[in-house]
C-alpha cells in the first residue's frame, strides 16, 4: 500500500509546503531490494565456486612458492624467492620456454588465419551449411589423448604415414621425434587440428552479427569481396578477434596434452626437443615431488601469459581499426554527455 502525506517543512532543509512525500510500504521496499540484490544473488554461485576452486588454489600456490614445501607433512620452511631464483638458473627452463613459444607461434598464427578464412567461407551462401559447420567442430570433440595417439602414429619417424606421403613427392623422411623444429611442427599440427574449427565457429557467429547493410553499401560503392572483408568484416570482428587471440595465447602457452602424448614416455623427448613449461612443471611437481619449485614455475608461467596477453591485446587493438564497425567507441564521460543531450532534446 502506498500512502502520501503533506510535507510540513520549509525550503531550508525540510520539504516545501504542499509537496507530497511518498511513503513506501514494506512490500514495496522489499521489492526495491529484490530488484537491487537479485542479479548479485543469481551470479553469486559462480563466484563462490570460483573463490573455492579457483582463487584459493591460486593464493595457496603463491604461498607455497615461497616455501620449501613438504607435501607429506603439509608444512614447509620459508625460503623467500629462492625457488624462483633456482627455476630461472636452470638451462632446462629456458629450453622449455623456447619450445613453448615455438610451438605457440607455429600453432596460433596459422590457426587464426585459417579459422578466419573458414569462417568467411561458411558465412557465404553455400549448400549444406549446417553440415559444414558441424564438420568444422568435429575435431574439437575428439579427446586430446586420442588426437595425440593418432598423430604420434602418423608422425612416426620410421613407419609414419606422413613420411610415406612425403616420399611420393620425392622428399626424404623427416625425423619428427629427433629434430626440435620438426617436432614442434608436428605438435602444432595437432593443436591446429583440434582448435581451428572451434575458433572458426566463434568468428562465424561474430560475422553473422554484422549488419548486411554495410555490405550492400560497400557493394554500391564498388568494393569487391576482398575489399569488403578487409574494410567491413575484419574491423567489425575486433572484439571477437581479441577474445580468440587472448584465449589462444593462454591455451598455447599452457600446452600439455599434445607434447605429453607425442611419445610413450611423456618427458618432452630424450634431448628435451619438445619439452614445454607445463611438462617441466609437471615433472618437477610429480616427478621430483618438489611442489615449492613447481608452484614458483606456475607463477612464472602465469606472469608470462599475462604479459603476452597484454601485448597481444595492444597489438590487436592497434592493428584492427574500427572502420565499418558500429560507430566510434565513446568514453564513459562522452556517453553521459550524449545521454544528457538526448534528454534535453526530448524535453524541448
Protein backbone atom coordinates (compact mmCIF):
# COMPACT_ATOMS: atom_id res chain seq x y z
CA UNK A 1 0.00 0.00 0.00
CA UNK A 2 1.25 3.49 -0.82
CA UNK A 3 0.41 6.47 1.31
CA UNK A 4 1.21 10.13 0.86
CA UNK A 5 1.34 12.83 3.49
CA UNK A 6 1.56 16.58 3.17
CA UNK A 7 5.04 17.89 3.85
CA UNK A 8 5.20 20.41 6.71
CA UNK A 9 8.79 21.58 6.23
CA UNK A 10 10.30 24.57 4.59
CA UNK A 11 12.82 25.05 1.83
CA UNK A 12 15.65 25.41 4.35
CA UNK A 13 16.13 21.69 4.79
CA UNK A 14 12.58 20.44 5.05
CA UNK A 15 10.20 19.70 2.17
CA UNK A 16 8.21 22.63 0.82
CA UNK A 17 4.57 23.06 1.86
CA UNK A 18 2.10 21.22 -0.25
CA UNK A 19 4.65 18.85 -1.76
CA UNK A 20 3.59 15.25 -1.12
CA UNK A 21 6.14 12.87 0.36
CA UNK A 22 5.93 9.37 -0.92
CA UNK A 23 5.98 6.70 1.78
CA UNK A 24 6.70 3.19 0.58
CA UNK A 25 5.06 0.20 2.12
CA UNK A 26 7.07 -2.77 3.38
CA UNK A 27 6.27 -4.84 0.27
CA UNK A 28 7.44 -2.01 -1.99
CA UNK A 29 10.69 -1.60 -0.05
CA UNK A 30 11.16 -5.37 -0.25
CA UNK A 31 10.53 -5.27 -4.00
CA UNK A 32 13.09 -2.49 -4.39
CA UNK A 33 15.73 -4.50 -2.52
CA UNK A 34 14.77 -7.52 -4.60
CA UNK A 35 15.47 -5.60 -7.81
CA UNK A 36 18.82 -4.41 -6.46
CA UNK A 37 20.07 -7.65 -4.95
CA UNK A 38 18.62 -10.34 -7.21
CA UNK A 39 21.21 -10.00 -10.01
CA UNK A 40 24.02 -10.41 -7.50
CA UNK A 41 22.37 -13.44 -5.93
CA UNK A 42 21.90 -15.08 -9.33
CA UNK A 43 25.56 -14.76 -10.27
CA UNK A 44 26.89 -15.45 -6.78
CA UNK A 45 27.10 -19.29 -7.19
CA UNK A 46 29.71 -18.92 -9.92
CA UNK A 47 31.85 -16.56 -7.86
CA UNK A 48 31.52 -18.72 -4.75
CA UNK A 49 32.67 -21.80 -6.68
CA UNK A 50 35.42 -19.74 -8.34
CA UNK A 51 36.62 -18.50 -4.95
CA UNK A 52 36.80 -22.05 -3.60
CA UNK A 53 38.08 -23.90 -6.69
CA UNK A 54 39.97 -21.10 -8.43
CA UNK A 55 41.01 -18.23 -6.21
CA UNK A 56 42.01 -20.29 -3.19
CA UNK A 57 44.40 -22.58 -5.16
CA UNK A 58 46.00 -19.50 -6.74
CA UNK A 59 46.67 -17.92 -3.34
CA UNK A 60 47.72 -21.27 -1.87
CA UNK A 61 50.18 -21.82 -4.74
CA UNK A 62 51.61 -18.34 -4.23
CA UNK A 63 52.27 -19.08 -0.55
CA UNK A 64 53.86 -22.47 -1.30
CA UNK A 65 56.11 -20.94 -3.97
CA UNK A 66 57.95 -19.07 -1.22
CA UNK A 67 58.46 -22.21 0.88
CA UNK A 68 60.42 -25.44 0.78
CA UNK A 69 57.18 -27.37 0.96
CA UNK A 70 56.79 -30.93 2.23
CA UNK A 71 53.65 -32.34 0.72
CA UNK A 72 53.55 -35.32 3.10
CA UNK A 73 53.73 -33.28 6.31
CA UNK A 74 51.78 -30.38 4.85
CA UNK A 75 54.34 -27.93 6.14
CA UNK A 76 57.36 -26.07 4.86
CA UNK A 77 60.17 -23.66 5.59
CA UNK A 78 60.01 -20.07 4.36
CA UNK A 79 62.76 -19.51 1.75
CA UNK A 80 61.63 -16.30 0.08
CA UNK A 81 62.49 -16.02 -3.63
CA UNK A 82 64.96 -18.93 -3.61
CA UNK A 83 62.60 -21.18 -5.57
CA UNK A 84 62.15 -18.53 -8.26
CA UNK A 85 65.92 -17.98 -8.46
CA UNK A 86 66.51 -21.73 -8.78
CA UNK A 87 64.00 -22.00 -11.60
CA UNK A 88 65.49 -19.09 -13.54
CA UNK A 89 69.02 -20.56 -13.22
CA UNK A 90 68.05 -23.88 -14.82
CA UNK A 91 69.07 -24.23 -18.50
CA UNK A 92 66.22 -26.69 -18.92
CA UNK A 93 63.74 -23.96 -18.03
CA UNK A 94 64.94 -21.73 -20.86
CA UNK A 95 64.88 -24.66 -23.29
CA UNK A 96 61.30 -25.39 -22.24
CA UNK A 97 60.38 -21.71 -22.56
CA UNK A 98 61.81 -21.56 -26.09
CA UNK A 99 59.99 -24.75 -27.08
CA UNK A 100 56.73 -23.38 -25.66
CA UNK A 101 56.99 -20.15 -27.64
CA UNK A 102 57.99 -22.01 -30.80
CA UNK A 103 55.01 -24.37 -30.62
CA UNK A 104 52.76 -21.45 -29.67
CA UNK A 105 53.74 -19.40 -32.72
CA UNK A 106 53.62 -22.37 -35.09
CA UNK A 107 50.13 -23.23 -33.90
CA UNK A 108 48.40 -19.92 -33.10
CA UNK A 109 49.30 -17.83 -36.15
CA UNK A 110 48.27 -20.36 -38.86
CA UNK A 111 45.31 -21.39 -36.73
CA UNK A 112 43.84 -17.87 -36.54
CA UNK A 113 44.41 -17.19 -40.23
CA UNK A 114 42.82 -20.50 -41.23
CA UNK A 115 39.93 -20.07 -38.78
CA UNK A 116 39.15 -16.63 -40.19
CA UNK A 117 39.24 -17.99 -43.74
CA UNK A 118 36.96 -20.94 -42.89
CA UNK A 119 34.53 -18.63 -41.07
CA UNK A 120 34.40 -16.31 -44.11
CA UNK A 121 33.65 -19.29 -46.38
CA UNK A 122 30.95 -20.63 -44.04
CA UNK A 123 29.39 -17.17 -43.89
CA UNK A 124 28.62 -17.32 -47.60
CA UNK A 125 25.57 -18.87 -49.20
CA UNK A 126 26.81 -22.40 -49.75
CA UNK A 127 24.93 -25.65 -49.89
CA UNK A 128 24.62 -27.82 -46.75
CA UNK A 129 25.86 -25.02 -44.49
CA UNK A 130 24.78 -26.82 -41.33
CA UNK A 131 26.73 -29.92 -42.33
CA UNK A 132 29.91 -27.94 -42.98
CA UNK A 133 29.57 -26.02 -39.73
CA UNK A 134 29.10 -29.20 -37.71
CA UNK A 135 32.04 -30.79 -39.51
CA UNK A 136 34.25 -27.85 -38.52
CA UNK A 137 33.51 -28.53 -34.86
CA UNK A 138 34.01 -32.29 -35.07
CA UNK A 139 37.79 -32.35 -34.30
CA UNK A 140 37.16 -30.36 -31.12
CA UNK A 141 35.08 -33.17 -29.59
CA UNK A 142 37.87 -35.72 -30.09
CA UNK A 143 39.70 -36.41 -26.82
CA UNK A 144 43.19 -34.87 -26.68
CA UNK A 145 44.69 -38.23 -25.75
CA UNK A 146 43.15 -39.83 -28.84
CA UNK A 147 44.46 -37.00 -31.00
CA UNK A 148 47.92 -37.47 -29.50
CA UNK A 149 47.95 -41.21 -30.15
CA UNK A 150 46.70 -40.82 -33.74
CA UNK A 151 49.17 -38.09 -34.65
CA UNK A 152 52.00 -39.89 -32.88
CA UNK A 153 51.42 -42.79 -35.24
CA UNK A 154 51.08 -40.50 -38.27
CA UNK A 155 54.35 -38.69 -37.46
CA UNK A 156 56.35 -41.80 -36.56
CA UNK A 157 59.91 -41.46 -37.82
CA UNK A 158 60.23 -44.86 -39.49
CA UNK A 159 56.68 -46.09 -40.11
CA UNK A 160 54.61 -42.89 -40.11
CA UNK A 161 52.10 -42.20 -42.84
CA UNK A 162 53.26 -38.59 -43.21
CA UNK A 163 56.77 -39.65 -44.24
CA UNK A 164 55.27 -42.08 -46.73
CA UNK A 165 53.17 -39.30 -48.26
CA UNK A 166 56.24 -37.08 -48.48
CA UNK A 167 58.06 -39.91 -50.23
CA UNK A 168 55.57 -39.72 -53.12
CA UNK A 169 56.86 -36.20 -53.79
CA UNK A 170 60.49 -37.21 -53.57
CA UNK A 171 61.02 -35.78 -50.11
CA UNK A 172 63.11 -37.83 -47.72
CA UNK A 173 61.84 -38.94 -44.31
CA UNK A 174 61.73 -36.22 -41.66
CA UNK A 175 62.94 -37.08 -38.13
CA UNK A 176 59.83 -35.78 -36.37
CA UNK A 177 60.92 -37.08 -32.96
CA UNK A 178 64.58 -36.05 -33.26
CA UNK A 179 64.80 -32.52 -34.62
CA UNK A 180 63.28 -29.85 -32.33
CA UNK A 181 61.78 -27.78 -35.16
CA UNK A 182 60.03 -30.70 -36.84
CA UNK A 183 58.72 -31.99 -33.52
CA UNK A 184 57.25 -28.53 -32.91
CA UNK A 185 55.63 -28.61 -36.37
CA UNK A 186 54.06 -32.00 -35.62
CA UNK A 187 52.72 -30.87 -32.23
CA UNK A 188 51.44 -27.61 -33.71
CA UNK A 189 49.58 -29.66 -36.31
CA UNK A 190 47.77 -31.49 -33.51
CA UNK A 191 46.80 -28.21 -31.88
CA UNK A 192 45.58 -26.73 -35.14
CA UNK A 193 43.58 -29.86 -35.90
CA UNK A 194 41.64 -29.55 -32.63
CA UNK A 195 41.15 -25.80 -32.30
CA UNK A 196 40.83 -24.34 -35.81
CA UNK A 197 37.20 -25.38 -36.26
CA UNK A 198 36.26 -24.20 -32.78
CA UNK A 199 37.70 -20.73 -33.37
CA UNK A 200 36.16 -20.64 -36.86
CA UNK A 201 32.68 -21.09 -35.41
CA UNK A 202 33.26 -18.29 -32.88
CA UNK A 203 34.34 -15.97 -35.67
CA UNK A 204 31.44 -17.14 -37.83
CA UNK A 205 28.95 -16.17 -35.10
CA UNK A 206 30.51 -12.71 -34.97
CA UNK A 207 30.40 -12.37 -38.76
CA UNK A 208 26.71 -13.18 -38.86
CA UNK A 209 26.03 -10.37 -36.38
CA UNK A 210 27.44 -7.78 -38.79
CA UNK A 211 24.55 -5.82 -40.39
CA UNK A 212 24.16 -6.74 -44.05
CA UNK A 213 23.54 -3.07 -44.83
CA UNK A 214 27.29 -2.50 -44.58
CA UNK A 215 27.97 -4.99 -47.34
CA UNK A 216 25.20 -3.59 -49.53
CA UNK A 217 26.60 -0.10 -49.11
CA UNK A 218 30.10 -1.36 -49.88
CA UNK A 219 28.81 -3.13 -53.00
CA UNK A 220 27.14 0.07 -54.17
CA UNK A 221 30.45 1.88 -53.65
CA UNK A 222 32.14 -0.68 -55.87
CA UNK A 223 34.01 -2.67 -53.20
CA UNK A 224 34.85 -6.24 -54.14
CA UNK A 225 34.73 -9.25 -51.81
CA UNK A 226 38.32 -8.82 -50.63
CA UNK A 227 37.83 -5.09 -50.00
CA UNK A 228 34.59 -5.80 -48.11
CA UNK A 229 36.34 -8.39 -45.96
CA UNK A 230 39.28 -6.08 -45.22
CA UNK A 231 37.27 -2.89 -44.61
CA UNK A 232 33.98 -4.21 -43.19
CA UNK A 233 34.31 -7.75 -41.85
CA UNK A 234 37.71 -7.58 -40.20
CA UNK A 235 37.17 -4.28 -38.30
CA UNK A 236 33.77 -5.49 -37.10
CA UNK A 237 35.40 -8.63 -35.71
CA UNK A 238 37.79 -6.74 -33.47
CA UNK A 239 36.20 -7.67 -30.08
CA UNK A 240 35.85 -11.30 -31.14
CA UNK A 241 39.37 -11.40 -32.57
CA UNK A 242 40.75 -10.05 -29.30
CA UNK A 243 38.87 -12.75 -27.40
CA UNK A 244 40.08 -15.52 -29.72
CA UNK A 245 43.68 -14.28 -29.65
CA UNK A 246 43.71 -14.00 -25.86
CA UNK A 247 42.24 -17.49 -25.35
CA UNK A 248 44.61 -18.92 -27.96
CA UNK A 249 47.53 -17.31 -26.17
CA UNK A 250 46.51 -18.76 -22.83
CA UNK A 251 45.92 -22.22 -24.30
CA UNK A 252 49.06 -22.14 -26.44
CA UNK A 253 51.37 -21.27 -23.55
CA UNK A 254 49.74 -23.88 -21.30
CA UNK A 255 50.00 -26.67 -23.86
CA UNK A 256 50.39 -30.03 -22.13
CA UNK A 257 48.35 -32.89 -23.64
CA UNK A 258 49.81 -32.86 -27.13
CA UNK A 259 53.54 -32.82 -26.20
CA UNK A 260 52.96 -35.35 -23.44
CA UNK A 261 51.32 -37.79 -25.85
CA UNK A 262 53.86 -37.25 -28.63
CA UNK A 263 55.83 -40.28 -27.47
CA UNK A 264 55.32 -43.09 -25.00
CA UNK A 265 57.45 -41.52 -22.25
CA UNK A 266 55.82 -38.09 -21.98
CA UNK A 267 59.04 -36.33 -20.88
CA UNK A 268 59.44 -33.95 -23.81
CA UNK A 269 61.93 -36.04 -25.77
CA UNK A 270 65.32 -37.56 -24.97
CA UNK A 271 67.02 -34.21 -25.60
CA UNK A 272 64.13 -32.01 -24.41
CA UNK A 273 63.26 -31.35 -28.06
CA UNK A 274 59.59 -30.65 -27.30
CA UNK A 275 59.74 -30.11 -23.55
CA UNK A 276 57.30 -27.33 -22.65
CA UNK A 277 56.91 -25.27 -19.49
CA UNK A 278 53.89 -27.26 -18.31
CA UNK A 279 55.66 -30.59 -18.93
CA UNK A 280 58.67 -29.35 -16.96
CA UNK A 281 56.36 -28.08 -14.21
CA UNK A 282 54.62 -31.46 -14.04
CA UNK A 283 57.97 -33.27 -13.88
CA UNK A 284 59.22 -31.08 -11.01
CA UNK A 285 55.96 -31.38 -9.09
CA UNK A 286 55.05 -35.04 -9.51
CA UNK A 287 58.38 -36.43 -10.73
CA UNK A 288 60.74 -34.77 -8.25
CA UNK A 289 57.95 -34.25 -5.66
CA UNK A 290 59.07 -30.64 -5.17
CA UNK A 291 55.88 -28.60 -5.01
CA UNK A 292 57.59 -25.39 -3.89
CA UNK A 293 59.57 -25.17 -7.12
CA UNK A 294 56.58 -26.33 -9.18
CA UNK A 295 54.48 -23.56 -7.63
CA UNK A 296 57.16 -20.98 -8.39
CA UNK A 297 57.25 -22.14 -12.00
CA UNK A 298 53.46 -21.96 -12.18
CA UNK A 299 53.58 -18.32 -11.10
CA UNK A 300 56.36 -17.54 -13.58
CA UNK A 301 54.19 -19.05 -16.32
CA UNK A 302 51.21 -17.01 -15.10
CA UNK A 303 53.22 -13.78 -15.32
CA UNK A 304 54.47 -14.69 -18.81
CA UNK A 305 50.92 -15.41 -20.02
CA UNK A 306 49.70 -12.15 -18.52
CA UNK A 307 52.46 -10.17 -20.25
CA UNK A 308 51.95 -11.85 -23.63
CA UNK A 309 48.19 -11.44 -23.33
CA UNK A 310 48.54 -7.71 -22.73
CA UNK A 311 50.93 -7.36 -25.66
CA UNK A 312 48.51 -9.26 -27.88
CA UNK A 313 45.67 -7.03 -26.73
CA UNK A 314 47.56 -3.83 -27.52
CA UNK A 315 48.81 -5.08 -30.89
CA UNK A 316 45.36 -6.33 -31.93
CA UNK A 317 43.65 -3.10 -30.92
CA UNK A 318 46.18 -1.06 -32.85
CA UNK A 319 46.16 -3.21 -36.00
CA UNK A 320 42.43 -3.84 -36.33
CA UNK A 321 40.75 -0.48 -36.62
CA UNK A 322 37.08 0.27 -36.06
CA UNK A 323 36.28 1.10 -39.68
CA UNK A 324 32.99 -0.44 -40.69
CA UNK A 325 32.06 -1.05 -37.08
CA UNK A 326 29.01 0.20 -35.29
CA UNK A 327 30.44 3.63 -34.70
CA UNK A 328 33.20 5.12 -32.61
CA UNK A 329 33.80 3.78 -29.14
CA UNK A 330 32.82 6.50 -26.67
CA UNK A 331 34.27 7.01 -23.24
CA UNK A 332 32.02 6.98 -20.18
CA UNK A 333 32.06 10.79 -19.98
CA UNK A 334 31.15 11.05 -23.65
CA UNK A 335 28.29 8.58 -23.22
CA UNK A 336 26.94 10.58 -20.27
CA UNK A 337 27.16 13.81 -22.25
CA UNK A 338 25.33 12.21 -25.17
CA UNK A 339 22.62 10.92 -22.83
CA UNK A 340 22.17 14.39 -21.31
CA UNK A 341 21.90 15.88 -24.79
CA UNK A 342 19.24 13.35 -25.75
CA UNK A 343 17.25 14.12 -22.59
CA UNK A 344 17.41 17.86 -23.31
CA UNK A 345 16.19 17.27 -26.85
CA UNK A 346 13.34 15.12 -25.56
CA UNK A 347 12.23 17.82 -23.09
CA UNK A 348 12.44 20.59 -25.73
